[in-house]
Amino acid sequence: MKMLAGYLAGLTFGLGLAISGMTDPARVIGFLDVAGAWDPTLIFVLGGAVVTTFIGYRLVWRRQTPLFESRFQLPTRRDLDIRLLGGAALFGIGWGLSGYCPGPAVASLSGLSWPLAAFIVTLIAGWWLARRMNSRH
């Protein structure tokens, strides 16, 4: 049942990305280009995500435990270190340059293009590098 719930959540997420236009890198770059030809249409996607998350968390926190786990798994660290800030900066730079972030990139794999393939390769390389750096700490 846990696997089915994960599959359905991923399917819903992917469909939402595709329907909203988040899998179109030109639209995302247009949204991020606030100093140029700004395309504000994705603000509605952002607003919908914020409202959905706000309501969802309110409902989830009323439960003692998650539906398919014995306890909630929450981060315990509260500090900002160089790895977190550097990773966030690299994520933002990559998103701004390519128009892709990991969710929409995976949702777009059926229409693989050279820019998408380059993003996926650098995503995997960054993941590998982060895991290697994390094993040292």
N, C-alpha and C. Protein backbone atom coordinates (compact mmCIF):
# COMPACT_ATOMS: atom_id res chain seq x y z
N MET A 1 0.81 -1.20 0.00
CA MET A 1 0.00 0.00 0.00
C MET A 1 0.86 1.27 0.00
N LYS A 2 1.99 1.22 0.73
CA LYS A 2 2.89 2.37 0.78
C LYS A 2 3.45 2.66 -0.61
N MET A 3 3.82 1.62 -1.35
CA MET A 3 4.36 1.82 -2.68
C MET A 3 3.30 2.41 -3.62
N LEU A 4 2.08 1.92 -3.53
CA LEU A 4 1.00 2.44 -4.35
C LEU A 4 0.74 3.92 -4.03
N ALA A 5 0.76 4.27 -2.76
CA ALA A 5 0.56 5.67 -2.37
C ALA A 5 1.68 6.54 -2.93
N GLY A 6 2.92 6.06 -2.88
CA GLY A 6 4.05 6.80 -3.44
C GLY A 6 3.92 6.97 -4.95
N TYR A 7 3.50 5.89 -5.63
CA TYR A 7 3.30 5.96 -7.07
C TYR A 7 2.22 6.98 -7.42
N LEU A 8 1.10 6.94 -6.73
CA LEU A 8 0.00 7.86 -7.01
C LEU A 8 0.40 9.31 -6.71
N ALA A 9 1.15 9.52 -5.65
CA ALA A 9 1.61 10.87 -5.33
C ALA A 9 2.56 11.37 -6.42
N GLY A 10 3.48 10.52 -6.86
CA GLY A 10 4.40 10.90 -7.93
C GLY A 10 3.68 11.17 -9.24
N LEU A 11 2.70 10.33 -9.56
CA LEU A 11 1.91 10.52 -10.77
C LEU A 11 1.14 11.84 -10.72
N THR A 12 0.54 12.13 -9.60
CA THR A 12 -0.20 13.40 -9.43
C THR A 12 0.75 14.59 -9.55
N PHE A 13 1.92 14.48 -8.94
CA PHE A 13 2.92 15.55 -8.99
C PHE A 13 3.37 15.77 -10.43
N GLY A 14 3.71 14.69 -11.13
CA GLY A 14 4.16 14.80 -12.51
C GLY A 14 3.10 15.38 -13.43
N LEU A 15 1.87 14.94 -13.26
CA LEU A 15 0.78 15.49 -14.07
C LEU A 15 0.58 16.98 -13.78
N GLY A 16 0.66 17.33 -12.51
CA GLY A 16 0.54 18.75 -12.15
C GLY A 16 1.63 19.59 -12.78
N LEU A 17 2.86 19.08 -12.80
CA LEU A 17 3.96 19.80 -13.42
C LEU A 17 3.72 19.98 -14.91
N ALA A 18 3.27 18.91 -15.56
CA ALA A 18 3.04 18.97 -17.01
C ALA A 18 1.89 19.91 -17.34
N ILE A 19 0.79 19.81 -16.62
CA ILE A 19 -0.39 20.64 -16.90
C ILE A 19 -0.09 22.13 -16.64
N SER A 20 0.69 22.40 -15.60
CA SER A 20 0.96 23.78 -15.22
C SER A 20 2.00 24.47 -16.10
N GLY A 21 2.73 23.72 -16.90
CA GLY A 21 3.76 24.32 -17.74
C GLY A 21 5.13 24.32 -17.10
N MET A 22 5.29 23.73 -15.93
CA MET A 22 6.59 23.71 -15.25
C MET A 22 7.61 22.83 -15.96
N THR A 23 7.19 22.00 -16.91
CA THR A 23 8.14 21.17 -17.65
C THR A 23 8.64 21.88 -18.90
N ASP A 24 8.18 23.10 -19.15
CA ASP A 24 8.63 23.90 -20.30
C ASP A 24 9.71 24.87 -19.82
N PRO A 25 10.99 24.57 -20.14
CA PRO A 25 12.07 25.43 -19.63
C PRO A 25 11.96 26.88 -20.09
N ALA A 26 11.43 27.12 -21.28
CA ALA A 26 11.29 28.50 -21.75
C ALA A 26 10.31 29.28 -20.87
N ARG A 27 9.26 28.64 -20.45
CA ARG A 27 8.28 29.30 -19.58
C ARG A 27 8.89 29.57 -18.20
N VAL A 28 9.66 28.61 -17.68
CA VAL A 28 10.28 28.79 -16.37
C VAL A 28 11.31 29.92 -16.42
N ILE A 29 12.14 29.94 -17.46
CA ILE A 29 13.13 31.00 -17.59
C ILE A 29 12.44 32.35 -17.74
N GLY A 30 11.31 32.38 -18.49
CA GLY A 30 10.54 33.61 -18.61
C GLY A 30 10.00 34.08 -17.27
N PHE A 31 9.61 33.15 -16.42
CA PHE A 31 9.13 33.50 -15.08
C PHE A 31 10.26 34.02 -14.21
N LEU A 32 11.45 33.44 -14.34
CA LEU A 32 12.58 33.86 -13.51
C LEU A 32 13.22 35.16 -14.00
N ASP A 33 12.92 35.58 -15.22
CA ASP A 33 13.52 36.78 -15.82
C ASP A 33 12.71 38.02 -15.43
N VAL A 34 12.76 38.39 -14.17
CA VAL A 34 11.95 39.52 -13.69
C VAL A 34 12.46 40.86 -14.22
N ALA A 35 13.71 40.94 -14.65
CA ALA A 35 14.26 42.20 -15.16
C ALA A 35 14.07 42.33 -16.67
N GLY A 36 13.62 41.25 -17.33
CA GLY A 36 13.46 41.29 -18.78
C GLY A 36 12.02 41.06 -19.19
N ALA A 37 11.82 40.09 -20.06
CA ALA A 37 10.48 39.76 -20.55
C ALA A 37 9.81 38.80 -19.57
N TRP A 38 9.41 39.31 -18.44
CA TRP A 38 8.86 38.48 -17.36
C TRP A 38 7.53 37.89 -17.76
N ASP A 39 7.38 36.58 -17.53
CA ASP A 39 6.12 35.87 -17.78
C ASP A 39 5.55 35.48 -16.42
N PRO A 40 4.55 36.21 -15.92
CA PRO A 40 4.06 35.99 -14.56
C PRO A 40 3.10 34.81 -14.40
N THR A 41 2.83 34.05 -15.46
CA THR A 41 1.79 33.02 -15.38
C THR A 41 2.09 31.94 -14.35
N LEU A 42 3.35 31.65 -14.10
CA LEU A 42 3.67 30.59 -13.14
C LEU A 42 3.44 31.03 -11.69
N ILE A 43 3.15 32.30 -11.47
CA ILE A 43 2.85 32.75 -10.11
C ILE A 43 1.61 32.04 -9.58
N PHE A 44 0.68 31.68 -10.49
CA PHE A 44 -0.51 30.95 -10.07
C PHE A 44 -0.17 29.53 -9.63
N VAL A 45 0.83 28.93 -10.29
CA VAL A 45 1.31 27.61 -9.89
C VAL A 45 1.93 27.71 -8.49
N LEU A 46 2.75 28.71 -8.29
CA LEU A 46 3.38 28.93 -6.99
C LEU A 46 2.32 29.17 -5.92
N GLY A 47 1.34 30.01 -6.21
CA GLY A 47 0.28 30.27 -5.25
C GLY A 47 -0.51 29.02 -4.92
N GLY A 48 -0.83 28.22 -5.94
CA GLY A 48 -1.54 26.96 -5.71
C GLY A 48 -0.74 26.00 -4.85
N ALA A 49 0.57 25.97 -5.07
CA ALA A 49 1.44 25.09 -4.28
C ALA A 49 1.49 25.54 -2.82
N VAL A 50 1.57 26.85 -2.60
CA VAL A 50 1.61 27.37 -1.23
C VAL A 50 0.31 27.06 -0.50
N VAL A 51 -0.82 27.29 -1.14
CA VAL A 51 -2.11 27.03 -0.51
C VAL A 51 -2.28 25.54 -0.22
N THR A 52 -1.94 24.70 -1.20
CA THR A 52 -2.05 23.24 -1.02
C THR A 52 -1.16 22.77 0.12
N THR A 53 0.06 23.27 0.18
CA THR A 53 0.98 22.88 1.25
C THR A 53 0.48 23.35 2.60
N PHE A 54 -0.01 24.57 2.67
CA PHE A 54 -0.53 25.10 3.93
C PHE A 54 -1.67 24.23 4.46
N ILE A 55 -2.62 23.91 3.60
CA ILE A 55 -3.76 23.09 4.02
C ILE A 55 -3.30 21.67 4.33
N GLY A 56 -2.44 21.12 3.48
CA GLY A 56 -1.96 19.75 3.68
C GLY A 56 -1.24 19.56 5.01
N TYR A 57 -0.37 20.49 5.34
CA TYR A 57 0.35 20.38 6.62
C TYR A 57 -0.60 20.50 7.80
N ARG A 58 -1.57 21.37 7.70
CA ARG A 58 -2.54 21.50 8.79
C ARG A 58 -3.28 20.18 9.01
N LEU A 59 -3.63 19.49 7.94
CA LEU A 59 -4.33 18.21 8.06
C LEU A 59 -3.41 17.11 8.57
N VAL A 60 -2.20 17.07 8.06
CA VAL A 60 -1.26 16.00 8.45
C VAL A 60 -0.87 16.11 9.92
N TRP A 61 -0.63 17.32 10.40
CA TRP A 61 -0.17 17.48 11.79
C TRP A 61 -1.25 17.15 12.82
N ARG A 62 -2.46 16.97 12.38
CA ARG A 62 -3.51 16.53 13.30
C ARG A 62 -3.39 15.05 13.63
N ARG A 63 -2.66 14.32 12.81
CA ARG A 63 -2.50 12.88 13.01
C ARG A 63 -1.35 12.61 13.99
N GLN A 64 -1.44 11.51 14.71
CA GLN A 64 -0.35 11.10 15.60
C GLN A 64 0.82 10.54 14.81
N THR A 65 0.53 9.78 13.76
CA THR A 65 1.57 9.17 12.91
C THR A 65 1.14 9.28 11.45
N PRO A 66 2.10 9.16 10.53
CA PRO A 66 1.73 9.12 9.12
C PRO A 66 0.91 7.86 8.80
N LEU A 67 0.29 7.84 7.64
CA LEU A 67 -0.53 6.69 7.26
C LEU A 67 0.28 5.41 7.09
N PHE A 68 1.48 5.50 6.51
CA PHE A 68 2.23 4.30 6.16
C PHE A 68 3.59 4.22 6.82
N GLU A 69 3.78 4.92 7.91
CA GLU A 69 5.03 4.87 8.68
C GLU A 69 4.69 4.88 10.16
N SER A 70 5.65 4.51 10.97
CA SER A 70 5.42 4.49 12.41
C SER A 70 5.61 5.86 13.07
N ARG A 71 6.36 6.76 12.38
CA ARG A 71 6.59 8.10 12.93
C ARG A 71 6.90 9.06 11.80
N PHE A 72 6.74 10.35 12.09
CA PHE A 72 7.12 11.39 11.14
C PHE A 72 8.64 11.51 11.13
N GLN A 73 9.23 11.71 9.97
CA GLN A 73 10.68 11.88 9.85
C GLN A 73 10.96 13.33 9.49
N LEU A 74 11.37 14.08 10.48
CA LEU A 74 11.62 15.50 10.31
C LEU A 74 13.10 15.80 10.46
N PRO A 75 13.60 16.81 9.75
CA PRO A 75 15.00 17.18 9.92
C PRO A 75 15.25 17.70 11.34
N THR A 76 16.40 17.40 11.85
CA THR A 76 16.74 17.85 13.21
C THR A 76 17.70 19.03 13.19
N ARG A 77 18.45 19.19 12.13
CA ARG A 77 19.40 20.31 12.05
C ARG A 77 18.68 21.61 11.82
N ARG A 78 19.18 22.66 12.46
CA ARG A 78 18.58 23.98 12.32
C ARG A 78 19.59 25.02 11.84
N ASP A 79 20.85 24.61 11.68
CA ASP A 79 21.88 25.57 11.30
C ASP A 79 22.03 25.65 9.78
N LEU A 80 22.60 26.75 9.33
CA LEU A 80 22.92 26.94 7.92
C LEU A 80 24.43 26.79 7.76
N ASP A 81 24.84 25.79 7.01
CA ASP A 81 26.28 25.61 6.80
C ASP A 81 26.61 25.87 5.33
N ILE A 82 27.88 25.85 5.01
CA ILE A 82 28.35 26.17 3.67
C ILE A 82 27.83 25.16 2.63
N ARG A 83 27.67 23.91 3.02
CA ARG A 83 27.16 22.92 2.06
C ARG A 83 25.71 23.19 1.70
N LEU A 84 24.91 23.57 2.68
CA LEU A 84 23.51 23.89 2.40
C LEU A 84 23.40 25.14 1.54
N LEU A 85 24.11 26.20 1.92
CA LEU A 85 24.05 27.45 1.16
C LEU A 85 24.64 27.29 -0.24
N GLY A 86 25.75 26.56 -0.34
CA GLY A 86 26.36 26.31 -1.65
C GLY A 86 25.46 25.47 -2.54
N GLY A 87 24.84 24.45 -1.97
CA GLY A 87 23.91 23.62 -2.74
C GLY A 87 22.71 24.41 -3.21
N ALA A 88 22.17 25.26 -2.35
CA ALA A 88 21.03 26.09 -2.72
C ALA A 88 21.42 27.06 -3.84
N ALA A 89 22.62 27.62 -3.75
CA ALA A 89 23.08 28.54 -4.79
C ALA A 89 23.25 27.81 -6.12
N LEU A 90 23.87 26.63 -6.08
CA LEU A 90 24.04 25.86 -7.31
C LEU A 90 22.70 25.44 -7.91
N PHE A 91 21.77 25.06 -7.05
CA PHE A 91 20.43 24.71 -7.51
C PHE A 91 19.80 25.89 -8.24
N GLY A 92 19.84 27.06 -7.64
CA GLY A 92 19.25 28.25 -8.25
C GLY A 92 19.92 28.64 -9.55
N ILE A 93 21.24 28.56 -9.59
CA ILE A 93 21.97 28.88 -10.81
C ILE A 93 21.60 27.89 -11.92
N GLY A 94 21.58 26.62 -11.59
CA GLY A 94 21.22 25.60 -12.57
C GLY A 94 19.80 25.77 -13.07
N TRP A 95 18.88 26.08 -12.17
CA TRP A 95 17.48 26.27 -12.54
C TRP A 95 17.34 27.49 -13.46
N GLY A 96 18.03 28.57 -13.11
CA GLY A 96 17.96 29.79 -13.92
C GLY A 96 18.59 29.64 -15.29
N LEU A 97 19.68 28.88 -15.39
CA LEU A 97 20.35 28.70 -16.67
C LEU A 97 19.62 27.71 -17.58
N SER A 98 19.07 26.65 -17.00
CA SER A 98 18.49 25.59 -17.83
C SER A 98 16.98 25.65 -17.91
N GLY A 99 16.34 26.22 -16.91
CA GLY A 99 14.89 26.20 -16.86
C GLY A 99 14.33 24.91 -16.28
N TYR A 100 15.22 24.03 -15.84
CA TYR A 100 14.79 22.76 -15.24
C TYR A 100 15.19 22.71 -13.78
N CYS A 101 14.36 22.08 -12.97
CA CYS A 101 14.77 21.62 -11.65
C CYS A 101 14.42 20.13 -11.63
N PRO A 102 14.85 19.36 -10.65
CA PRO A 102 14.75 17.90 -10.74
C PRO A 102 13.37 17.34 -11.02
N GLY A 103 12.33 17.83 -10.36
CA GLY A 103 10.98 17.28 -10.58
C GLY A 103 10.52 17.41 -12.02
N PRO A 104 10.50 18.63 -12.57
CA PRO A 104 10.10 18.80 -13.96
C PRO A 104 11.02 18.08 -14.95
N ALA A 105 12.31 17.98 -14.63
CA ALA A 105 13.22 17.28 -15.53
C ALA A 105 12.85 15.80 -15.63
N VAL A 106 12.58 15.17 -14.52
CA VAL A 106 12.17 13.76 -14.54
C VAL A 106 10.83 13.62 -15.24
N ALA A 107 9.91 14.54 -15.00
CA ALA A 107 8.60 14.49 -15.65
C ALA A 107 8.71 14.69 -17.15
N SER A 108 9.80 15.32 -17.62
CA SER A 108 9.98 15.60 -19.04
C SER A 108 10.79 14.53 -19.77
N LEU A 109 11.21 13.48 -19.08
CA LEU A 109 12.09 12.48 -19.70
C LEU A 109 11.52 11.83 -20.96
N SER A 110 10.20 11.77 -21.08
CA SER A 110 9.61 11.14 -22.26
C SER A 110 9.91 11.95 -23.52
N GLY A 111 10.17 13.23 -23.39
CA GLY A 111 10.51 14.07 -24.53
C GLY A 111 11.97 14.49 -24.46
N LEU A 112 12.86 13.53 -24.29
CA LEU A 112 14.28 13.80 -24.07
C LEU A 112 14.88 14.65 -25.20
N SER A 113 15.57 15.71 -24.80
CA SER A 113 16.28 16.59 -25.74
C SER A 113 17.72 16.72 -25.24
N TRP A 114 18.59 17.32 -26.06
CA TRP A 114 19.98 17.48 -25.63
C TRP A 114 20.11 18.36 -24.39
N PRO A 115 19.40 19.49 -24.31
CA PRO A 115 19.50 20.29 -23.07
C PRO A 115 19.01 19.52 -21.84
N LEU A 116 17.93 18.75 -22.01
CA LEU A 116 17.43 17.95 -20.89
C LEU A 116 18.43 16.87 -20.51
N ALA A 117 19.01 16.21 -21.51
CA ALA A 117 20.02 15.18 -21.24
C ALA A 117 21.22 15.77 -20.51
N ALA A 118 21.65 16.97 -20.94
CA ALA A 118 22.77 17.64 -20.25
C ALA A 118 22.41 17.94 -18.81
N PHE A 119 21.18 18.39 -18.57
CA PHE A 119 20.74 18.67 -17.20
C PHE A 119 20.76 17.39 -16.37
N ILE A 120 20.21 16.30 -16.92
CA ILE A 120 20.15 15.04 -16.17
C ILE A 120 21.56 14.55 -15.84
N VAL A 121 22.50 14.66 -16.80
CA VAL A 121 23.88 14.24 -16.54
C VAL A 121 24.49 15.08 -15.43
N THR A 122 24.30 16.40 -15.46
CA THR A 122 24.87 17.24 -14.40
C THR A 122 24.15 17.02 -13.07
N LEU A 123 22.85 16.71 -13.12
CA LEU A 123 22.11 16.37 -11.91
C LEU A 123 22.70 15.14 -11.25
N ILE A 124 22.94 14.11 -12.03
CA ILE A 124 23.51 12.87 -11.50
C ILE A 124 24.93 13.11 -10.99
N ALA A 125 25.72 13.91 -11.73
CA ALA A 125 27.08 14.22 -11.28
C ALA A 125 27.06 14.98 -9.95
N GLY A 126 26.16 15.94 -9.82
CA GLY A 126 26.03 16.69 -8.57
C GLY A 126 25.58 15.82 -7.43
N TRP A 127 24.66 14.91 -7.70
CA TRP A 127 24.18 13.97 -6.69
C TRP A 127 25.34 13.10 -6.21
N TRP A 128 26.10 12.57 -7.17
CA TRP A 128 27.25 11.72 -6.85
C TRP A 128 28.27 12.50 -6.01
N LEU A 129 28.56 13.74 -6.44
CA LEU A 129 29.53 14.56 -5.72
C LEU A 129 29.05 14.87 -4.30
N ALA A 130 27.78 15.20 -4.16
CA ALA A 130 27.23 15.49 -2.82
C ALA A 130 27.32 14.26 -1.92
N ARG A 131 27.06 13.08 -2.45
CA ARG A 131 27.15 11.86 -1.64
C ARG A 131 28.60 11.60 -1.23
N ARG A 132 29.53 11.86 -2.14
CA ARG A 132 30.95 11.67 -1.80
C ARG A 132 31.37 12.66 -0.72
N MET A 133 30.93 13.90 -0.84
CA MET A 133 31.29 14.91 0.16
C MET A 133 30.61 14.59 1.49
N ASN A 134 29.41 14.07 1.46
CA ASN A 134 28.67 13.75 2.68
C ASN A 134 29.31 12.58 3.41
N SER A 135 29.90 11.63 2.68
CA SER A 135 30.51 10.47 3.33
C SER A 135 31.78 10.85 4.08
N ARG A 136 32.35 12.00 3.76
CA ARG A 136 33.56 12.46 4.45
C ARG A 136 33.25 13.08 5.80
N HIS A 137 32.02 13.48 6.01
CA HIS A 137 31.66 14.17 7.26
C HIS A 137 31.10 13.21 8.27
